[in-house]
Amino acid sequence: METKKCRQCGVDKYLPEYAKGRRVCKACRYLQIKKWNAANPDRVEVYSIRGQEHQEKKRHRSPAAYRKYRREYYWKNRDRIKQYHNDYNRRQAVEKWKILNVDNQPGE
Protein backbone atom coordinates (compact mmCIF):
# COMPACT_ATOMS: atom_id res chain seq x y z
CA MET A 1 0.00 0.00 0.00
CA GLU A 2 1.23 3.48 -0.84
CA THR A 3 2.40 5.88 1.88
CA LYS A 4 3.24 9.54 2.16
CA LYS A 5 4.92 11.71 4.76
CA CYS A 6 2.81 14.03 6.92
CA ARG A 7 3.98 17.64 6.70
CA GLN A 8 3.27 18.27 10.36
CA CYS A 9 4.34 15.18 12.31
CA GLY A 10 6.82 13.86 9.71
CA VAL A 11 5.60 10.26 9.95
CA ASP A 12 5.08 8.05 6.89
CA LYS A 13 1.45 6.95 6.89
CA TYR A 14 -0.83 5.05 4.53
CA LEU A 15 -3.00 7.11 2.18
CA PRO A 16 -6.33 6.29 3.91
CA GLU A 17 -4.98 8.21 6.91
CA TYR A 18 -5.13 11.43 4.86
CA ALA A 19 -8.13 13.43 3.71
CA LYS A 20 -8.35 13.77 -0.05
CA GLY A 21 -6.02 16.50 -1.31
CA ARG A 22 -4.41 17.12 2.12
CA ARG A 23 -0.72 16.98 2.98
CA VAL A 24 -1.38 16.66 6.71
CA CYS A 25 -2.70 13.39 8.19
CA LYS A 26 -6.18 13.23 9.72
CA ALA A 27 -4.81 13.03 13.27
CA CYS A 28 -2.71 16.19 12.85
CA ARG A 29 -5.56 17.96 11.07
CA TYR A 30 -7.85 17.12 13.98
CA LEU A 31 -5.33 18.67 16.37
CA GLN A 32 -5.04 21.79 14.16
CA ILE A 33 -8.82 22.22 14.15
CA LYS A 34 -9.07 21.64 17.89
CA LYS A 35 -6.35 24.25 18.53
CA TRP A 36 -8.01 26.78 16.19
CA ASN A 37 -11.41 26.23 17.83
CA ALA A 38 -9.89 26.82 21.28
CA ALA A 39 -8.20 30.02 20.08
CA ASN A 40 -11.31 31.36 18.27
CA PRO A 41 -14.42 30.47 20.30
CA ASP A 42 -16.32 33.55 19.07
CA ARG A 43 -15.79 32.63 15.41
CA VAL A 44 -16.70 28.99 16.07
CA GLU A 45 -19.99 30.14 17.58
CA VAL A 46 -20.73 32.39 14.57
CA TYR A 47 -20.00 29.57 12.12
CA SER A 48 -22.16 27.19 14.15
CA ILE A 49 -25.09 29.60 14.23
CA ARG A 50 -24.71 30.36 10.52
CA GLY A 51 -24.76 26.63 9.70
CA GLN A 52 -27.86 26.06 11.82
CA GLU A 53 -29.64 28.96 10.13
CA HIS A 54 -28.76 27.55 6.71
CA GLN A 55 -30.19 24.15 7.64
CA GLU A 56 -33.39 25.78 8.91
CA LYS A 57 -33.80 27.70 5.65
CA LYS A 58 -33.33 24.52 3.63
CA ARG A 59 -35.87 22.71 5.77
CA HIS A 60 -38.50 25.45 5.54
CA ARG A 61 -37.97 26.29 1.87
CA SER A 62 -39.35 22.96 0.73
CA PRO A 63 -40.43 20.64 3.55
CA ALA A 64 -41.61 17.90 1.18
CA ALA A 65 -38.31 17.83 -0.71
CA TYR A 66 -36.38 17.79 2.57
CA ARG A 67 -38.45 14.86 3.88
CA LYS A 68 -37.89 13.01 0.61
CA TYR A 69 -34.14 13.61 0.80
CA ARG A 70 -33.96 12.41 4.45
CA ARG A 71 -36.03 9.32 3.64
CA GLU A 72 -33.80 8.42 0.69
CA TYR A 73 -30.66 9.01 2.74
CA TYR A 74 -31.96 6.76 5.50
CA TRP A 75 -32.76 3.89 3.13
CA LYS A 76 -29.38 4.14 1.43
CA ASN A 77 -27.50 4.19 4.77
CA ARG A 78 -29.84 2.36 7.14
CA ASP A 79 -27.33 -0.32 8.20
CA ARG A 80 -24.73 2.27 9.09
CA ILE A 81 -27.30 4.44 10.90
CA LYS A 82 -28.66 1.50 12.89
CA GLN A 83 -25.13 0.42 13.84
CA TYR A 84 -24.36 3.96 15.00
CA HIS A 85 -27.49 4.08 17.16
CA ASN A 86 -26.78 0.64 18.64
CA ASP A 87 -23.21 1.65 19.50
CA TYR A 88 -24.40 4.94 20.98
CA ASN A 89 -27.02 3.23 23.14
CA ARG A 90 -24.49 0.66 24.31
CA ARG A 91 -22.02 3.41 25.30
CA GLN A 92 -24.78 5.28 27.14
CA ALA A 93 -25.74 2.13 29.04
CA VAL A 94 -22.13 1.53 30.09
CA GLU A 95 -21.74 5.14 31.24
CA LYS A 96 -24.98 4.93 33.20
CA TRP A 97 -23.83 1.68 34.82
CA LYS A 98 -20.50 3.29 35.78
CA ILE A 99 -22.29 6.21 37.40
CA LEU A 100 -24.69 3.98 39.32
CA ASN A 101 -21.95 1.55 40.43
CA VAL A 102 -19.15 3.92 41.38
CA ASP A 103 -18.50 2.09 44.66
CA ASN A 104 -18.52 -1.39 43.10
CA GLN A 105 -16.03 -0.88 40.26
CA PRO A 106 -13.14 -3.37 40.21
CA GLY A 107 -9.60 -2.16 40.87
CA GLU A 108 -10.52 0.60 43.27
C-alpha atoms as a PDB file:
ATOM      1  CA  MET A   1       0.000   0.000   0.000  1.00  0.00           C
ATOM      2  CA  GLU A   2       1.234   3.479  -0.836  1.00  0.00           C
ATOM      3  CA  THR A   3       2.403   5.877   1.883  1.00  0.00           C
ATOM      4  CA  LYS A   4       3.240   9.536   2.161  1.00  0.00           C
ATOM      5  CA  LYS A   5       4.918  11.709   4.759  1.00  0.00           C
ATOM      6  CA  CYS A   6       2.812  14.029   6.919  1.00  0.00           C
ATOM      7  CA  ARG A   7       3.983  17.641   6.701  1.00  0.00           C
ATOM      8  CA  GLN A   8       3.273  18.267  10.363  1.00  0.00           C
ATOM      9  CA  CYS A   9       4.337  15.178  12.312  1.00  0.00           C
ATOM     10  CA  GLY A  10       6.821  13.863   9.710  1.00  0.00           C
ATOM     11  CA  VAL A  11       5.604  10.256   9.954  1.00  0.00           C
ATOM     12  CA  ASP A  12       5.077   8.051   6.895  1.00  0.00           C
ATOM     13  CA  LYS A  13       1.447   6.949   6.886  1.00  0.00           C
ATOM     14  CA  TYR A  14      -0.833   5.045   4.527  1.00  0.00           C
ATOM     15  CA  LEU A  15      -2.998   7.114   2.175  1.00  0.00           C
ATOM     16  CA  PRO A  16      -6.334   6.293   3.905  1.00  0.00           C
ATOM     17  CA  GLU A  17      -4.982   8.214   6.909  1.00  0.00           C
ATOM     18  CA  TYR A  18      -5.126  11.431   4.859  1.00  0.00           C
ATOM     19  CA  ALA A  19      -8.135  13.426   3.710  1.00  0.00           C
ATOM     20  CA  LYS A  20      -8.348  13.769  -0.053  1.00  0.00           C
ATOM     21  CA  GLY A  21      -6.016  16.501  -1.309  1.00  0.00           C
ATOM     22  CA  ARG A  22      -4.410  17.117   2.120  1.00  0.00           C
ATOM     23  CA  ARG A  23      -0.716  16.977   2.979  1.00  0.00           C
ATOM     24  CA  VAL A  24      -1.376  16.657   6.707  1.00  0.00           C
ATOM     25  CA  CYS A  25      -2.700  13.392   8.191  1.00  0.00           C
ATOM     26  CA  LYS A  26      -6.179  13.230   9.722  1.00  0.00           C
ATOM     27  CA  ALA A  27      -4.807  13.028  13.270  1.00  0.00           C
ATOM     28  CA  CYS A  28      -2.705  16.185  12.852  1.00  0.00           C
ATOM     29  CA  ARG A  29      -5.559  17.963  11.070  1.00  0.00           C
ATOM     30  CA  TYR A  30      -7.851  17.120  13.984  1.00  0.00           C
ATOM     31  CA  LEU A  31      -5.329  18.675  16.374  1.00  0.00           C
ATOM     32  CA  GLN A  32      -5.040  21.786  14.160  1.00  0.00           C
ATOM     33  CA  ILE A  33      -8.817  22.221  14.147  1.00  0.00           C
ATOM     34  CA  LYS A  34      -9.065  21.641  17.892  1.00  0.00           C
ATOM     35  CA  LYS A  35      -6.351  24.249  18.529  1.00  0.00           C
ATOM     36  CA  TRP A  36      -8.010  26.782  16.188  1.00  0.00           C
ATOM     37  CA  ASN A  37     -11.409  26.234  17.829  1.00  0.00           C
ATOM     38  CA  ALA A  38      -9.893  26.818  21.280  1.00  0.00           C
ATOM     39  CA  ALA A  39      -8.198  30.023  20.080  1.00  0.00           C
ATOM     40  CA  ASN A  40     -11.306  31.363  18.274  1.00  0.00           C
ATOM     41  CA  PRO A  41     -14.425  30.473  20.297  1.00  0.00           C
ATOM     42  CA  ASP A  42     -16.318  33.551  19.071  1.00  0.00           C
ATOM     43  CA  ARG A  43     -15.787  32.627  15.406  1.00  0.00           C
ATOM     44  CA  VAL A  44     -16.704  28.993  16.068  1.00  0.00           C
ATOM     45  CA  GLU A  45     -19.993  30.144  17.578  1.00  0.00           C
ATOM     46  CA  VAL A  46     -20.726  32.393  14.572  1.00  0.00           C
ATOM     47  CA  TYR A  47     -20.002  29.565  12.121  1.00  0.00           C
ATOM     48  CA  SER A  48     -22.162  27.195  14.147  1.00  0.00           C
ATOM     49  CA  ILE A  49     -25.095  29.597  14.229  1.00  0.00           C
ATOM     50  CA  ARG A  50     -24.711  30.363  10.522  1.00  0.00           C
ATOM     51  CA  GLY A  51     -24.763  26.635   9.704  1.00  0.00           C
ATOM     52  CA  GLN A  52     -27.858  26.061  11.822  1.00  0.00           C
ATOM     53  CA  GLU A  53     -29.643  28.962  10.127  1.00  0.00           C
ATOM     54  CA  HIS A  54     -28.756  27.553   6.706  1.00  0.00           C
ATOM     55  CA  GLN A  55     -30.195  24.150   7.641  1.00  0.00           C
ATOM     56  CA  GLU A  56     -33.389  25.777   8.914  1.00  0.00           C
ATOM     57  CA  LYS A  57     -33.801  27.703   5.646  1.00  0.00           C
ATOM     58  CA  LYS A  58     -33.329  24.517   3.626  1.00  0.00           C
ATOM     59  CA  ARG A  59     -35.873  22.710   5.773  1.00  0.00           C
ATOM     60  CA  HIS A  60     -38.502  25.455   5.539  1.00  0.00           C
ATOM     61  CA  ARG A  61     -37.972  26.287   1.866  1.00  0.00           C
ATOM     62  CA  SER A  62     -39.348  22.959   0.729  1.00  0.00           C
ATOM     63  CA  PRO A  63     -40.433  20.640   3.548  1.00  0.00           C
ATOM     64  CA  ALA A  64     -41.613  17.901   1.176  1.00  0.00           C
ATOM     65  CA  ALA A  65     -38.309  17.833  -0.709  1.00  0.00           C
ATOM     66  CA  TYR A  66     -36.384  17.788   2.567  1.00  0.00           C
ATOM     67  CA  ARG A  67     -38.450  14.859   3.880  1.00  0.00           C
ATOM     68  CA  LYS A  68     -37.889  13.005   0.610  1.00  0.00           C
ATOM     69  CA  TYR A  69     -34.137  13.610   0.801  1.00  0.00           C
ATOM     70  CA  ARG A  70     -33.964  12.408   4.450  1.00  0.00           C
ATOM     71  CA  ARG A  71     -36.030   9.318   3.641  1.00  0.00           C
ATOM     72  CA  GLU A  72     -33.801   8.415   0.685  1.00  0.00           C
ATOM     73  CA  TYR A  73     -30.659   9.011   2.742  1.00  0.00           C
ATOM     74  CA  TYR A  74     -31.961   6.763   5.500  1.00  0.00           C
ATOM     75  CA  TRP A  75     -32.760   3.888   3.130  1.00  0.00           C
ATOM     76  CA  LYS A  76     -29.378   4.135   1.433  1.00  0.00           C
ATOM     77  CA  ASN A  77     -27.501   4.190   4.766  1.00  0.00           C
ATOM     78  CA  ARG A  78     -29.837   2.362   7.140  1.00  0.00           C
ATOM     79  CA  ASP A  79     -27.326  -0.323   8.195  1.00  0.00           C
ATOM     80  CA  ARG A  80     -24.730   2.271   9.093  1.00  0.00           C
ATOM     81  CA  ILE A  81     -27.303   4.437  10.897  1.00  0.00           C
ATOM     82  CA  LYS A  82     -28.664   1.497  12.888  1.00  0.00           C
ATOM     83  CA  GLN A  83     -25.133   0.423  13.844  1.00  0.00           C
ATOM     84  CA  TYR A  84     -24.360   3.964  14.996  1.00  0.00           C
ATOM     85  CA  HIS A  85     -27.489   4.082  17.162  1.00  0.00           C
ATOM     86  CA  ASN A  86     -26.781   0.638  18.641  1.00  0.00           C
ATOM     87  CA  ASP A  87     -23.206   1.652  19.499  1.00  0.00           C
ATOM     88  CA  TYR A  88     -24.395   4.942  20.977  1.00  0.00           C
ATOM     89  CA  ASN A  89     -27.024   3.232  23.139  1.00  0.00           C
ATOM     90  CA  ARG A  90     -24.493   0.662  24.307  1.00  0.00           C
ATOM     91  CA  ARG A  91     -22.019   3.413  25.304  1.00  0.00           C
ATOM     92  CA  GLN A  92     -24.776   5.282  27.137  1.00  0.00           C
ATOM     93  CA  ALA A  93     -25.741   2.128  29.038  1.00  0.00           C
ATOM     94  CA  VAL A  94     -22.127   1.534  30.085  1.00  0.00           C
ATOM     95  CA  GLU A  95     -21.735   5.140  31.239  1.00  0.00           C
ATOM     96  CA  LYS A  96     -24.981   4.928  33.204  1.00  0.00           C
ATOM     97  CA  TRP A  97     -23.829   1.676  34.817  1.00  0.00           C
ATOM     98  CA  LYS A  98     -20.500   3.287  35.781  1.00  0.00           C
ATOM     99  CA  ILE A  99     -22.290   6.212  37.404  1.00  0.00           C
ATOM    100  CA  LEU A 100     -24.690   3.975  39.324  1.00  0.00           C
ATOM    101  CA  ASN A 101     -21.948   1.547  40.427  1.00  0.00           C
ATOM    102  CA  VAL A 102     -19.149   3.919  41.384  1.00  0.00           C
ATOM    103  CA  ASP A 103     -18.502   2.091  44.664  1.00  0.00           C
ATOM    104  CA  ASN A 104     -18.522  -1.390  43.102  1.00  0.00           C
ATOM    105  CA  GLN A 105     -16.034  -0.877  40.255  1.00  0.00           C
ATOM    106  CA  PRO A 106     -13.137  -3.372  40.213  1.00  0.00           C
ATOM    107  CA  GLY A 107      -9.604  -2.161  40.867  1.00  0.00           C
ATOM    108  CA  GLU A 108     -10.521   0.602  43.271  1.00  0.00           C
END
